[in-house]
Amino acid sequence: MWAIQNAAMAELELLTLTVLVGAALVGSTISGFLGMGGGIFLLTVLFLCGLEPAVAIPIHALVQLTSNGTRAVLFREHVRWSAWRTFALCALPFPVLGLAVAGLLDPDQTKVMIGCLVIFATWKPKSWKVGWGERLSFAAVGVVAGTMGVVVGATGPLIAPFFLREGWSKEEIVATKAACQVFVHVQKIIAFGFVGFAFAEELPRVLPLALAVIVGTWCGKKILARLTEARFRMGYRVVLTGLALRLMATPWI
């Protein structure tokens, strides 16, 4: 009896891992040519597979560190390092604040507010410019990403509108966003380690996902090379809007 139950559990775990590997591959391919989408897709699948948020978000951070790190390396000659330095400097201290306020915020309400802000920032008329320069914009984005990374898990949709800048090529958008998110994921991993999450125990589950996102990112780069700037920007906005709507629907899903 016990042998049958153990075999059934092992088969279920293998099926779950297969689904997660597939999700990681598809998500990283999408992120490879649009710069986003894969993270929140993978996080959703992690939740659908029954992982608790306290486990899913740290695992997601490790896998997304690999995904964004691979993307940053493949597009390294296109990274806007001045924007990255400003972002990183301002994001550095704020995961501590995120951990402090995480228990005070309602996750569902927070995601609805983020979704509304993302849609506004993505589709606001060009005449409605805030007037912030690149340095001030990325300072603000760094503060927000550093704080919210440990609260909502996937910060990609939250910061994505700020990378869709005049004069930036599609490669610069993808590369710089990936480099910034590498920094955020490193912070999250350190923060979760500080509160006692046992990352070593999750390595058998993380390593296959990490390999999948490396392959997916390479595929995504090949697709990006075939996209025009106009199609990339429209696809970026459309996918970002879909992600924002998904966040807004969280309380009812």
Protein backbone atom coordinates (compact mmCIF):
# COMPACT_ATOMS: atom_id res chain seq x y z
CA MET A 1 0.00 0.00 0.00
CA TRP A 2 2.74 2.44 1.02
CA ALA A 3 4.76 1.51 -2.06
CA ILE A 4 1.82 2.34 -4.33
CA GLN A 5 1.27 5.68 -2.58
CA ASN A 6 4.95 6.56 -2.79
CA ALA A 7 5.04 5.68 -6.49
CA ALA A 8 1.96 7.82 -7.12
CA MET A 9 3.50 10.76 -5.27
CA ALA A 10 6.75 10.41 -7.21
CA GLU A 11 4.83 10.33 -10.49
CA LEU A 12 2.88 13.44 -9.49
CA GLU A 13 6.09 15.28 -8.56
CA LEU A 14 7.63 14.34 -11.91
CA LEU A 15 4.55 15.61 -13.75
CA THR A 16 4.64 18.86 -11.78
CA LEU A 17 8.33 19.33 -12.54
CA THR A 18 7.70 18.67 -16.24
CA VAL A 19 4.97 21.32 -16.31
CA LEU A 20 7.24 23.80 -14.54
CA VAL A 21 10.12 23.14 -16.95
CA GLY A 22 7.78 23.73 -19.88
CA ALA A 23 6.50 26.95 -18.32
CA ALA A 24 10.06 28.13 -17.69
CA LEU A 25 11.04 27.43 -21.30
CA VAL A 26 8.01 29.21 -22.78
CA GLY A 27 8.20 32.12 -20.36
CA SER A 28 11.90 32.77 -20.89
CA THR A 29 11.45 32.65 -24.66
CA ILE A 30 8.77 35.34 -24.40
CA SER A 31 10.98 37.43 -22.13
CA GLY A 32 13.87 36.89 -24.52
CA PHE A 33 12.17 38.82 -27.32
CA LEU A 34 9.88 41.16 -25.35
CA GLY A 35 11.92 41.68 -22.20
CA MET A 36 9.10 40.58 -19.89
CA GLY A 37 6.13 38.29 -19.47
CA GLY A 38 7.99 35.14 -18.54
CA GLY A 39 8.41 35.94 -14.87
CA ILE A 40 4.78 36.46 -13.99
CA PHE A 41 3.80 33.53 -16.24
CA LEU A 42 6.14 31.19 -14.36
CA LEU A 43 5.01 32.54 -10.99
CA THR A 44 1.39 31.87 -11.95
CA VAL A 45 2.22 28.28 -12.93
CA LEU A 46 4.11 27.77 -9.66
CA PHE A 47 0.99 28.78 -7.76
CA LEU A 48 -1.25 26.63 -9.97
CA CYS A 49 0.99 23.65 -9.21
CA GLY A 50 0.18 24.07 -5.54
CA LEU A 51 3.32 25.74 -4.21
CA GLU A 52 2.76 28.09 -1.30
CA PRO A 53 3.82 31.73 -1.85
CA ALA A 54 6.52 31.40 0.82
CA VAL A 55 8.14 28.68 -1.34
CA ALA A 56 7.12 29.79 -4.83
CA ILE A 57 8.48 33.35 -4.63
CA PRO A 58 12.03 32.38 -3.52
CA ILE A 59 12.16 29.61 -6.18
CA HIS A 60 10.89 32.12 -8.72
CA ALA A 61 13.68 34.52 -7.70
CA LEU A 62 16.37 31.89 -8.34
CA VAL A 63 14.98 30.90 -11.73
CA GLN A 64 14.43 34.50 -12.81
CA LEU A 65 17.94 35.41 -11.72
CA THR A 66 19.15 32.80 -14.19
CA SER A 67 16.76 33.99 -16.91
CA ASN A 68 17.54 37.68 -16.57
CA GLY A 69 21.23 36.99 -16.06
CA THR A 70 21.37 34.99 -19.28
CA ARG A 71 19.51 37.76 -21.11
CA ALA A 72 21.83 40.43 -19.72
CA VAL A 73 24.88 38.43 -20.85
CA LEU A 74 23.52 37.74 -24.34
CA PHE A 75 22.62 41.43 -24.81
CA ARG A 76 25.49 42.84 -22.74
CA GLU A 77 26.71 45.26 -25.42
CA HIS A 78 23.29 46.97 -25.37
CA VAL A 79 22.98 47.58 -21.60
CA ARG A 80 22.58 51.26 -20.64
CA TRP A 81 24.97 51.13 -17.71
CA SER A 82 24.34 54.69 -16.50
CA ALA A 83 20.64 53.88 -16.03
CA TRP A 84 21.54 50.55 -14.39
CA ARG A 85 23.89 52.20 -11.88
CA THR A 86 21.24 54.71 -10.82
CA PHE A 87 18.64 51.95 -10.51
CA ALA A 88 20.93 49.67 -8.50
CA LEU A 89 22.10 52.38 -6.10
CA CYS A 90 18.52 53.39 -5.29
CA ALA A 91 17.18 49.82 -5.10
CA LEU A 92 19.94 48.62 -2.76
CA PRO A 93 18.47 49.36 0.70
CA PHE A 94 14.79 48.84 0.02
CA PRO A 95 14.16 45.05 0.26
CA VAL A 96 14.47 45.57 4.03
CA LEU A 97 11.57 48.02 3.82
CA GLY A 98 9.68 45.55 1.64
CA LEU A 99 10.03 42.81 4.25
CA ALA A 100 8.87 45.24 6.93
CA VAL A 101 5.71 46.31 5.09
CA ALA A 102 4.87 42.97 3.47
CA GLY A 103 2.68 41.95 6.39
CA LEU A 104 0.87 45.29 6.38
CA LEU A 105 -0.19 45.24 2.72
CA ASP A 106 -3.05 43.23 1.29
CA PRO A 107 -1.40 41.35 -1.62
CA ASP A 108 -4.53 41.33 -3.79
CA GLN A 109 -5.24 45.03 -3.35
CA THR A 110 -1.58 45.82 -3.98
CA LYS A 111 -1.64 43.92 -7.28
CA VAL A 112 -4.82 45.69 -8.40
CA MET A 113 -3.21 49.08 -7.74
CA ILE A 114 -0.04 48.04 -9.55
CA GLY A 115 -2.09 46.87 -12.54
CA CYS A 116 -3.89 50.22 -12.75
CA LEU A 117 -0.62 52.15 -12.57
CA VAL A 118 0.99 49.96 -15.24
CA ILE A 119 -1.88 50.47 -17.70
CA PHE A 120 -1.81 54.22 -17.13
CA ALA A 121 1.97 54.43 -17.56
CA THR A 122 1.87 52.27 -20.69
CA TRP A 123 -0.88 54.08 -22.59
CA LYS A 124 -0.79 57.66 -21.28
CA PRO A 125 -0.62 60.30 -24.06
CA LYS A 126 2.88 61.42 -25.00
CA SER A 127 1.90 64.96 -24.04
CA TRP A 128 1.45 63.80 -20.42
CA LYS A 129 5.16 63.66 -19.70
CA VAL A 130 6.24 63.90 -16.09
CA GLY A 131 9.36 65.73 -17.17
CA TRP A 132 11.78 63.49 -15.28
CA GLY A 133 15.13 62.81 -16.86
CA GLU A 134 16.65 59.36 -17.17
CA ARG A 135 18.51 59.55 -13.86
CA LEU A 136 15.53 60.61 -11.76
CA SER A 137 13.23 58.11 -13.50
CA PHE A 138 15.53 55.18 -12.78
CA ALA A 139 16.12 56.35 -9.22
CA ALA A 140 12.36 56.15 -8.61
CA VAL A 141 12.09 52.80 -10.38
CA GLY A 142 14.91 51.42 -8.25
CA VAL A 143 13.20 52.43 -5.01
CA VAL A 144 9.89 50.89 -6.09
CA ALA A 145 11.44 47.67 -7.43
CA GLY A 146 13.61 47.17 -4.37
CA THR A 147 10.65 47.58 -2.04
CA MET A 148 8.01 45.63 -3.94
CA GLY A 149 10.21 42.76 -5.12
CA VAL A 150 9.83 40.87 -1.84
CA VAL A 151 6.13 41.77 -1.58
CA VAL A 152 4.62 40.75 -4.93
CA GLY A 153 7.36 38.54 -6.39
CA ALA A 154 7.29 39.54 -10.07
CA THR A 155 8.24 43.21 -10.44
CA GLY A 156 8.67 43.11 -14.22
CA PRO A 157 5.27 44.60 -15.12
CA LEU A 158 5.67 47.28 -12.46
CA ILE A 159 8.93 48.68 -13.81
CA ALA A 160 8.50 47.80 -17.49
CA PRO A 161 6.82 51.04 -18.68
CA PHE A 162 9.83 53.09 -17.61
CA PHE A 163 12.13 51.26 -20.04
CA LEU A 164 10.01 52.11 -23.09
CA ARG A 165 11.95 55.33 -23.66
CA GLU A 166 12.40 57.53 -26.70
CA GLY A 167 15.73 56.87 -28.36
CA TRP A 168 16.22 53.40 -26.87
CA SER A 169 16.46 50.48 -29.28
CA LYS A 170 14.60 47.23 -28.65
CA GLU A 171 17.87 45.56 -27.69
CA GLU A 172 18.67 48.34 -25.19
CA ILE A 173 15.22 48.00 -23.61
CA VAL A 174 15.53 44.23 -23.22
CA ALA A 175 19.17 44.36 -22.07
CA THR A 176 18.87 47.17 -19.53
CA LYS A 177 15.66 45.82 -18.02
CA ALA A 178 17.27 42.39 -17.66
CA ALA A 179 20.35 43.84 -15.97
CA CYS A 180 18.18 45.82 -13.55
CA GLN A 181 16.10 42.78 -12.70
CA VAL A 182 19.22 40.73 -12.02
CA PHE A 183 20.02 43.20 -9.26
CA VAL A 184 16.49 42.97 -7.84
CA HIS A 185 16.51 39.15 -7.83
CA VAL A 186 19.90 39.05 -6.08
CA GLN A 187 18.45 41.33 -3.41
CA LYS A 188 15.39 39.14 -3.02
CA ILE A 189 17.48 35.98 -2.67
CA ILE A 190 19.64 37.61 0.01
CA ALA A 191 16.54 38.86 1.83
CA PHE A 192 14.86 35.43 1.79
CA GLY A 193 18.09 33.80 2.93
CA PHE A 194 18.25 36.28 5.79
CA VAL A 195 14.80 35.19 7.02
CA GLY A 196 15.78 31.51 6.84
CA PHE A 197 14.58 30.12 3.50
CA ALA A 198 16.45 26.87 2.75
CA PHE A 199 17.48 27.37 -0.88
CA ALA A 200 19.70 24.27 -0.90
CA GLU A 201 16.67 22.02 -0.38
CA GLU A 202 15.03 23.39 -3.53
CA LEU A 203 18.01 22.94 -5.87
CA PRO A 204 16.72 19.64 -7.38
CA ARG A 205 13.62 21.54 -8.47
CA VAL A 206 15.41 24.76 -9.46
CA LEU A 207 18.22 23.34 -11.63
CA PRO A 208 16.00 21.89 -14.41
CA LEU A 209 14.09 25.18 -14.52
CA ALA A 210 17.35 27.12 -14.72
CA LEU A 211 18.51 25.05 -17.69
CA ALA A 212 15.14 25.60 -19.38
CA VAL A 213 15.32 29.39 -19.06
CA ILE A 214 18.84 29.47 -20.53
CA VAL A 215 17.59 27.65 -23.64
CA GLY A 216 14.45 29.79 -23.79
CA THR A 217 16.40 33.04 -23.56
CA TRP A 218 18.63 32.01 -26.46
CA CYS A 219 15.52 31.23 -28.54
CA GLY A 220 14.00 34.57 -27.59
CA LYS A 221 17.06 36.47 -28.77
CA LYS A 222 16.75 34.85 -32.19
CA ILE A 223 13.11 35.96 -32.42
CA LEU A 224 13.91 39.52 -31.30
CA ALA A 225 16.39 39.90 -34.16
CA ARG A 226 13.51 39.40 -36.61
CA LEU A 227 11.20 42.01 -35.05
CA THR A 228 11.05 45.61 -36.26
CA GLU A 229 11.23 48.39 -33.68
CA ALA A 230 7.56 49.28 -34.26
CA ARG A 231 6.34 45.70 -33.83
CA PHE A 232 8.49 45.24 -30.75
CA ARG A 233 7.11 48.37 -29.08
CA MET A 234 3.51 47.47 -29.88
CA GLY A 235 4.03 43.90 -28.68
CA TYR A 236 5.68 45.25 -25.53
CA ARG A 237 2.66 47.44 -24.76
CA VAL A 238 0.11 44.74 -25.56
CA VAL A 239 1.82 42.09 -23.41
CA LEU A 240 2.37 44.58 -20.60
CA THR A 241 -1.33 45.46 -20.68
CA GLY A 242 -2.25 41.77 -20.51
CA LEU A 243 0.03 41.30 -17.51
CA ALA A 244 -1.48 44.34 -15.80
CA LEU A 245 -5.01 43.03 -16.36
CA ARG A 246 -3.91 39.67 -14.97
CA LEU A 247 -2.65 41.41 -11.82
CA MET A 248 -5.90 43.35 -11.48
CA ALA A 249 -7.90 40.13 -11.75
CA THR A 250 -5.95 38.46 -8.93
CA PRO A 251 -8.69 38.81 -6.25
CA TRP A 252 -11.18 36.97 -8.47
CA ILE A 253 -8.94 34.17 -9.77
